[in-house]
Structure formats: structure tokens, C-alpha cells
Amino acid sequence: MLNAGQGILNDMNSEEWTYRLAIHEAGHAISCFLNGVGFDFVKIMPHRRTKRCGLTKARIATDTTSPTKTHRDLLILLAGYCAECIKFGNGFKEGTIRDVEKAYCRALGVTSSEKECSQFMRDARDNTEKLLNNNWKSVERLADKLIEKHYITGSEVIEIITNETII
């Protein structure tokens, strides 16, 4: 799966790469805001060869034993992937795969079987897609600002998205 994603990205020009990255990070930031999780900033560093091209610095709690908190955390972890899927039809890039792996590991910690974990992940993905679809204007608006500025503080993000948020 990772190789397929890298192929897609290698075919993209710099502007497409930057836009995809901005959509991904905007998804995380919108999900943080709508799930009541604080965050310090969101940034993109649009360079295809860097290890970390974008970051939403969220203040996610370390309590991994609560299914409710874990579900909320999955909504945030999966939001970049889901935003890419909504906009581009796929979520194939290295950072996206790492986000999904982190979400899966968190889900394993609060479920008792592989089947239950898979269902927990599907539910979280479906809820994340619904949340982002309902607030897509905010995702795009924040992505546009990220392309323009590359770094936005948490308070600036809140100002940008409260003008568009539906919840």
C-alpha cells in the first residue's frame, strides 16, 4: 500500500502536493476543534522529500483505556486520511499510513478482538467522514490559509473555522 501511495505522490507536481498536504492537516485541525481537543498550531512544510511535511500539534490525552476517549482520538487521527479520501478519492502517503497505524494501535487497546477492533475503526472512519463532510467549507478554507501562510496558530485556526462551522 505504501508503494502505491508513493507512486501517486511522485506523479504530483509541487502545487498538488502542497494542496494535498494542506487538506490533510486541515482535516486534523477541524476534527480537533469539533471534538473539543485543544491544539497549539497547524503547519505544512511543502517539500516532498522531508520526513514530516505537516503537523497539527494536538493536546490529546494519554488515557488509552477509555473507549469514549479513544474513539474521539481516532476521529482526530483519521481526519487527515479521511480529508484526503473525500477530496482526492484516496489517502495514500506516508504520514497518512502512520496516522492510520496509530489509530489502529489505539483501537486495539480498548477492544477485545480483531473483529471488534475492525468495527471500532470502521465506525470511527465513518464518523470522521461525516464530521468532515458536514464542515467541508471549513476544511477547504483552512487548507487555503495553510497554503498561503504555512503556519497557523491554534487561535487563528479557531477564528478561521468558527466562521464556517456547522457541526
C-alpha atoms as a PDB file:
ATOM      1  CA  MET A   1       0.000   0.000   0.000  1.00  0.00           C
ATOM      2  CA  LEU A   2       2.824   2.416   0.813  1.00  0.00           C
ATOM      3  CA  ASN A   3       4.427   1.900  -2.600  1.00  0.00           C
ATOM      4  CA  ALA A   4       1.148   2.706  -4.360  1.00  0.00           C
ATOM      5  CA  GLY A   5       0.889   5.927  -2.378  1.00  0.00           C
ATOM      6  CA  GLN A   6       4.422   6.915  -3.197  1.00  0.00           C
ATOM      7  CA  GLY A   7       3.697   6.363  -6.878  1.00  0.00           C
ATOM      8  CA  ILE A   8       0.692   8.659  -6.703  1.00  0.00           C
ATOM      9  CA  LEU A   9       2.727  11.327  -4.950  1.00  0.00           C
ATOM     10  CA  ASN A  10       5.685  11.059  -7.313  1.00  0.00           C
ATOM     11  CA  ASP A  11       3.326  11.850 -10.188  1.00  0.00           C
ATOM     12  CA  MET A  12       2.163  15.050  -8.494  1.00  0.00           C
ATOM     13  CA  ASN A  13       3.642  18.451  -9.070  1.00  0.00           C
ATOM     14  CA  SER A  14       4.643  20.690  -6.180  1.00  0.00           C
ATOM     15  CA  GLU A  15       1.335  22.589  -6.081  1.00  0.00           C
ATOM     16  CA  GLU A  16      -0.715  19.379  -5.994  1.00  0.00           C
ATOM     17  CA  TRP A  17       1.493  18.007  -3.226  1.00  0.00           C
ATOM     18  CA  THR A  18       1.131  21.183  -1.169  1.00  0.00           C
ATOM     19  CA  TYR A  19      -2.647  21.244  -1.603  1.00  0.00           C
ATOM     20  CA  ARG A  20      -2.957  17.587  -0.592  1.00  0.00           C
ATOM     21  CA  LEU A  21      -0.820  18.226   2.478  1.00  0.00           C
ATOM     22  CA  ALA A  22      -2.901  21.282   3.413  1.00  0.00           C
ATOM     23  CA  ILE A  23      -6.171  19.303   3.082  1.00  0.00           C
ATOM     24  CA  HIS A  24      -4.708  16.538   5.274  1.00  0.00           C
ATOM     25  CA  GLU A  25      -3.606  18.856   8.084  1.00  0.00           C
ATOM     26  CA  ALA A  26      -6.778  20.950   7.848  1.00  0.00           C
ATOM     27  CA  GLY A  27      -8.752  17.741   8.419  1.00  0.00           C
ATOM     28  CA  HIS A  28      -6.833  17.083  11.631  1.00  0.00           C
ATOM     29  CA  ALA A  29      -7.267  20.650  12.877  1.00  0.00           C
ATOM     30  CA  ILE A  30     -11.017  20.753  12.125  1.00  0.00           C
ATOM     31  CA  SER A  31     -11.501  17.426  13.896  1.00  0.00           C
ATOM     32  CA  CYS A  32      -9.571  18.663  16.948  1.00  0.00           C
ATOM     33  CA  PHE A  33     -11.742  21.756  17.137  1.00  0.00           C
ATOM     34  CA  LEU A  34     -15.039  19.903  16.680  1.00  0.00           C
ATOM     35  CA  ASN A  35     -14.077  17.240  19.232  1.00  0.00           C
ATOM     36  CA  GLY A  36     -13.080  19.787  21.870  1.00  0.00           C
ATOM     37  CA  VAL A  37      -9.376  18.946  21.786  1.00  0.00           C
ATOM     38  CA  GLY A  38      -7.012  21.865  22.077  1.00  0.00           C
ATOM     39  CA  PHE A  39      -4.152  22.335  19.673  1.00  0.00           C
ATOM     40  CA  ASP A  40      -1.256  24.759  19.506  1.00  0.00           C
ATOM     41  CA  PHE A  41      -0.727  25.124  15.775  1.00  0.00           C
ATOM     42  CA  VAL A  42      -1.016  23.542  12.369  1.00  0.00           C
ATOM     43  CA  LYS A  43       1.763  23.806   9.805  1.00  0.00           C
ATOM     44  CA  ILE A  44       2.847  22.494   6.472  1.00  0.00           C
ATOM     45  CA  MET A  45       6.332  22.295   5.049  1.00  0.00           C
ATOM     46  CA  PRO A  46       5.643  21.546   1.404  1.00  0.00           C
ATOM     47  CA  HIS A  47       8.675  19.526   0.471  1.00  0.00           C
ATOM     48  CA  ARG A  48       8.110  16.021  -0.879  1.00  0.00           C
ATOM     49  CA  ARG A  49      11.321  14.570   0.451  1.00  0.00           C
ATOM     50  CA  THR A  50      11.107  15.636   4.100  1.00  0.00           C
ATOM     51  CA  LYS A  51      10.131  13.079   6.705  1.00  0.00           C
ATOM     52  CA  ARG A  52       7.445  15.267   8.306  1.00  0.00           C
ATOM     53  CA  CYS A  53       5.686  17.517   5.852  1.00  0.00           C
ATOM     54  CA  GLY A  54       2.851  18.678   8.066  1.00  0.00           C
ATOM     55  CA  LEU A  55       1.872  18.742  11.703  1.00  0.00           C
ATOM     56  CA  THR A  56      -1.181  19.558  13.751  1.00  0.00           C
ATOM     57  CA  LYS A  57       0.088  19.884  17.324  1.00  0.00           C
ATOM     58  CA  ALA A  58      -2.888  18.485  19.259  1.00  0.00           C
ATOM     59  CA  ARG A  59      -3.185  18.096  23.019  1.00  0.00           C
ATOM     60  CA  ILE A  60      -4.562  14.543  23.004  1.00  0.00           C
ATOM     61  CA  ALA A  61      -4.856  12.947  26.443  1.00  0.00           C
ATOM     62  CA  THR A  62      -2.740   9.927  27.211  1.00  0.00           C
ATOM     63  CA  ASP A  63      -5.653   7.925  28.704  1.00  0.00           C
ATOM     64  CA  THR A  64      -5.815   4.965  26.347  1.00  0.00           C
ATOM     65  CA  THR A  65      -8.151   2.826  28.472  1.00  0.00           C
ATOM     66  CA  SER A  66     -11.383   4.716  27.835  1.00  0.00           C
ATOM     67  CA  PRO A  67     -13.271   3.622  24.693  1.00  0.00           C
ATOM     68  CA  THR A  68     -15.005   7.032  24.535  1.00  0.00           C
ATOM     69  CA  LYS A  69     -11.749   8.999  24.659  1.00  0.00           C
ATOM     70  CA  THR A  70     -10.100   6.552  22.286  1.00  0.00           C
ATOM     71  CA  HIS A  71     -12.970   6.959  19.811  1.00  0.00           C
ATOM     72  CA  ARG A  72     -12.551  10.745  19.996  1.00  0.00           C
ATOM     73  CA  ASP A  73      -8.806  10.376  19.448  1.00  0.00           C
ATOM     74  CA  LEU A  74      -9.446   8.150  16.425  1.00  0.00           C
ATOM     75  CA  LEU A  75     -11.669  10.854  14.933  1.00  0.00           C
ATOM     76  CA  ILE A  76      -8.643  13.147  15.108  1.00  0.00           C
ATOM     77  CA  LEU A  77      -6.035  10.621  13.970  1.00  0.00           C
ATOM     78  CA  LEU A  78      -8.126   9.507  10.980  1.00  0.00           C
ATOM     79  CA  ALA A  79      -9.172  13.022   9.947  1.00  0.00           C
ATOM     80  CA  GLY A  80      -6.180  13.668   7.668  1.00  0.00           C
ATOM     81  CA  TYR A  81      -6.714  10.370   5.872  1.00  0.00           C
ATOM     82  CA  CYS A  82     -10.468  10.948   5.594  1.00  0.00           C
ATOM     83  CA  ALA A  83      -9.998  14.506   4.309  1.00  0.00           C
ATOM     84  CA  GLU A  84      -7.705  13.183   1.574  1.00  0.00           C
ATOM     85  CA  CYS A  85     -10.206  10.447   0.680  1.00  0.00           C
ATOM     86  CA  ILE A  86     -13.065  12.954   0.476  1.00  0.00           C
ATOM     87  CA  LYS A  87     -11.130  15.336  -1.747  1.00  0.00           C
ATOM     88  CA  PHE A  88      -8.926  13.027  -3.812  1.00  0.00           C
ATOM     89  CA  GLY A  89     -10.535   9.587  -3.550  1.00  0.00           C
ATOM     90  CA  ASN A  90      -7.583   8.111  -1.641  1.00  0.00           C
ATOM     91  CA  GLY A  91      -5.344   8.729   1.322  1.00  0.00           C
ATOM     92  CA  PHE A  92      -2.037   7.288   0.213  1.00  0.00           C
ATOM     93  CA  LYS A  93       1.001   8.967   1.655  1.00  0.00           C
ATOM     94  CA  GLU A  94       3.480   8.042   4.327  1.00  0.00           C
ATOM     95  CA  GLY A  95       2.045  10.340   7.001  1.00  0.00           C
ATOM     96  CA  THR A  96      -1.466   9.098   6.304  1.00  0.00           C
ATOM     97  CA  ILE A  97      -0.421   5.497   6.746  1.00  0.00           C
ATOM     98  CA  ARG A  98       1.296   6.358  10.046  1.00  0.00           C
ATOM     99  CA  ASP A  99      -1.894   8.086  11.251  1.00  0.00           C
ATOM    100  CA  VAL A 100      -3.983   5.018  10.421  1.00  0.00           C
ATOM    101  CA  GLU A 101      -1.452   2.719  12.131  1.00  0.00           C
ATOM    102  CA  LYS A 102      -1.549   4.867  15.287  1.00  0.00           C
ATOM    103  CA  ALA A 103      -5.355   4.807  15.246  1.00  0.00           C
ATOM    104  CA  TYR A 104      -5.389   1.030  14.832  1.00  0.00           C
ATOM    105  CA  CYS A 105      -2.986   0.542  17.756  1.00  0.00           C
ATOM    106  CA  ARG A 106      -5.174   2.791  19.935  1.00  0.00           C
ATOM    107  CA  ALA A 107      -8.282   0.818  18.915  1.00  0.00           C
ATOM    108  CA  LEU A 108      -6.562  -2.476  19.780  1.00  0.00           C
ATOM    109  CA  GLY A 109      -6.021  -1.157  23.309  1.00  0.00           C
ATOM    110  CA  VAL A 110      -9.753  -0.817  24.041  1.00  0.00           C
ATOM    111  CA  THR A 111     -11.198  -3.748  22.118  1.00  0.00           C
ATOM    112  CA  SER A 112     -11.133  -7.448  22.903  1.00  0.00           C
ATOM    113  CA  SER A 113     -10.786  -8.965  19.441  1.00  0.00           C
ATOM    114  CA  GLU A 114      -9.577  -8.248  15.931  1.00  0.00           C
ATOM    115  CA  LYS A 115     -13.184  -8.224  14.721  1.00  0.00           C
ATOM    116  CA  GLU A 116     -14.239  -5.717  17.381  1.00  0.00           C
ATOM    117  CA  CYS A 117     -11.208  -3.560  16.605  1.00  0.00           C
ATOM    118  CA  SER A 118     -12.026  -3.529  12.885  1.00  0.00           C
ATOM    119  CA  GLN A 119     -15.599  -2.471  13.640  1.00  0.00           C
ATOM    120  CA  PHE A 120     -14.373   0.227  16.035  1.00  0.00           C
ATOM    121  CA  MET A 121     -12.087   1.565  13.268  1.00  0.00           C
ATOM    122  CA  ARG A 122     -14.883   1.467  10.657  1.00  0.00           C
ATOM    123  CA  ASP A 123     -17.221   3.365  12.990  1.00  0.00           C
ATOM    124  CA  ALA A 124     -14.541   5.966  13.709  1.00  0.00           C
ATOM    125  CA  ARG A 125     -13.785   6.374   9.995  1.00  0.00           C
ATOM    126  CA  ASP A 126     -17.483   6.747   9.147  1.00  0.00           C
ATOM    127  CA  ASN A 127     -17.976   9.307  11.923  1.00  0.00           C
ATOM    128  CA  THR A 128     -14.876  11.224  10.836  1.00  0.00           C
ATOM    129  CA  GLU A 129     -16.027  11.347   7.207  1.00  0.00           C
ATOM    130  CA  LYS A 130     -19.470  12.592   8.290  1.00  0.00           C
ATOM    131  CA  LEU A 131     -17.927  15.256  10.530  1.00  0.00           C
ATOM    132  CA  LEU A 132     -15.628  16.493   7.771  1.00  0.00           C
ATOM    133  CA  ASN A 133     -18.294  16.366   5.051  1.00  0.00           C
ATOM    134  CA  ASN A 134     -20.596  18.455   7.253  1.00  0.00           C
ATOM    135  CA  ASN A 135     -17.810  21.015   7.685  1.00  0.00           C
ATOM    136  CA  TRP A 136     -16.077  20.777   4.321  1.00  0.00           C
ATOM    137  CA  LYS A 137     -16.090  24.534   3.683  1.00  0.00           C
ATOM    138  CA  SER A 138     -14.036  24.963   6.846  1.00  0.00           C
ATOM    139  CA  VAL A 139     -11.580  22.266   5.743  1.00  0.00           C
ATOM    140  CA  GLU A 140     -11.042  23.977   2.393  1.00  0.00           C
ATOM    141  CA  ARG A 141     -10.842  27.448   3.907  1.00  0.00           C
ATOM    142  CA  LEU A 142      -8.221  26.320   6.415  1.00  0.00           C
ATOM    143  CA  ALA A 143      -6.291  24.451   3.699  1.00  0.00           C
ATOM    144  CA  ASP A 144      -6.217  27.635   1.589  1.00  0.00           C
ATOM    145  CA  LYS A 145      -4.860  29.613   4.561  1.00  0.00           C
ATOM    146  CA  LEU A 146      -2.222  26.935   5.194  1.00  0.00           C
ATOM    147  CA  ILE A 147      -1.052  27.176   1.602  1.00  0.00           C
ATOM    148  CA  GLU A 148      -0.833  30.933   1.990  1.00  0.00           C
ATOM    149  CA  LYS A 149       0.861  31.075   5.419  1.00  0.00           C
ATOM    150  CA  HIS A 150       2.308  27.554   6.056  1.00  0.00           C
ATOM    151  CA  TYR A 151       1.919  28.059   9.838  1.00  0.00           C
ATOM    152  CA  ILE A 152      -1.251  28.976  11.720  1.00  0.00           C
ATOM    153  CA  THR A 153      -1.660  29.186  15.493  1.00  0.00           C
ATOM    154  CA  GLY A 154      -4.492  27.396  17.245  1.00  0.00           C
ATOM    155  CA  SER A 155      -6.308  30.655  17.964  1.00  0.00           C
ATOM    156  CA  GLU A 156      -6.033  31.680  14.298  1.00  0.00           C
ATOM    157  CA  VAL A 157      -7.444  28.298  13.254  1.00  0.00           C
ATOM    158  CA  ILE A 158     -10.399  28.750  15.598  1.00  0.00           C
ATOM    159  CA  GLU A 159     -11.035  32.198  14.137  1.00  0.00           C
ATOM    160  CA  ILE A 160     -10.941  30.806  10.588  1.00  0.00           C
ATOM    161  CA  ILE A 161     -13.213  27.843  11.201  1.00  0.00           C
ATOM    162  CA  THR A 162     -15.780  29.416  13.514  1.00  0.00           C
ATOM    163  CA  ASN A 163     -16.922  31.492  10.556  1.00  0.00           C
ATOM    164  CA  GLU A 164     -17.885  28.313   8.647  1.00  0.00           C
ATOM    165  CA  THR A 165     -18.551  25.550  11.180  1.00  0.00           C
ATOM    166  CA  ILE A 166     -21.852  23.657  11.060  1.00  0.00           C
ATOM    167  CA  ILE A 167     -21.170  20.739  13.487  1.00  0.00           C
END
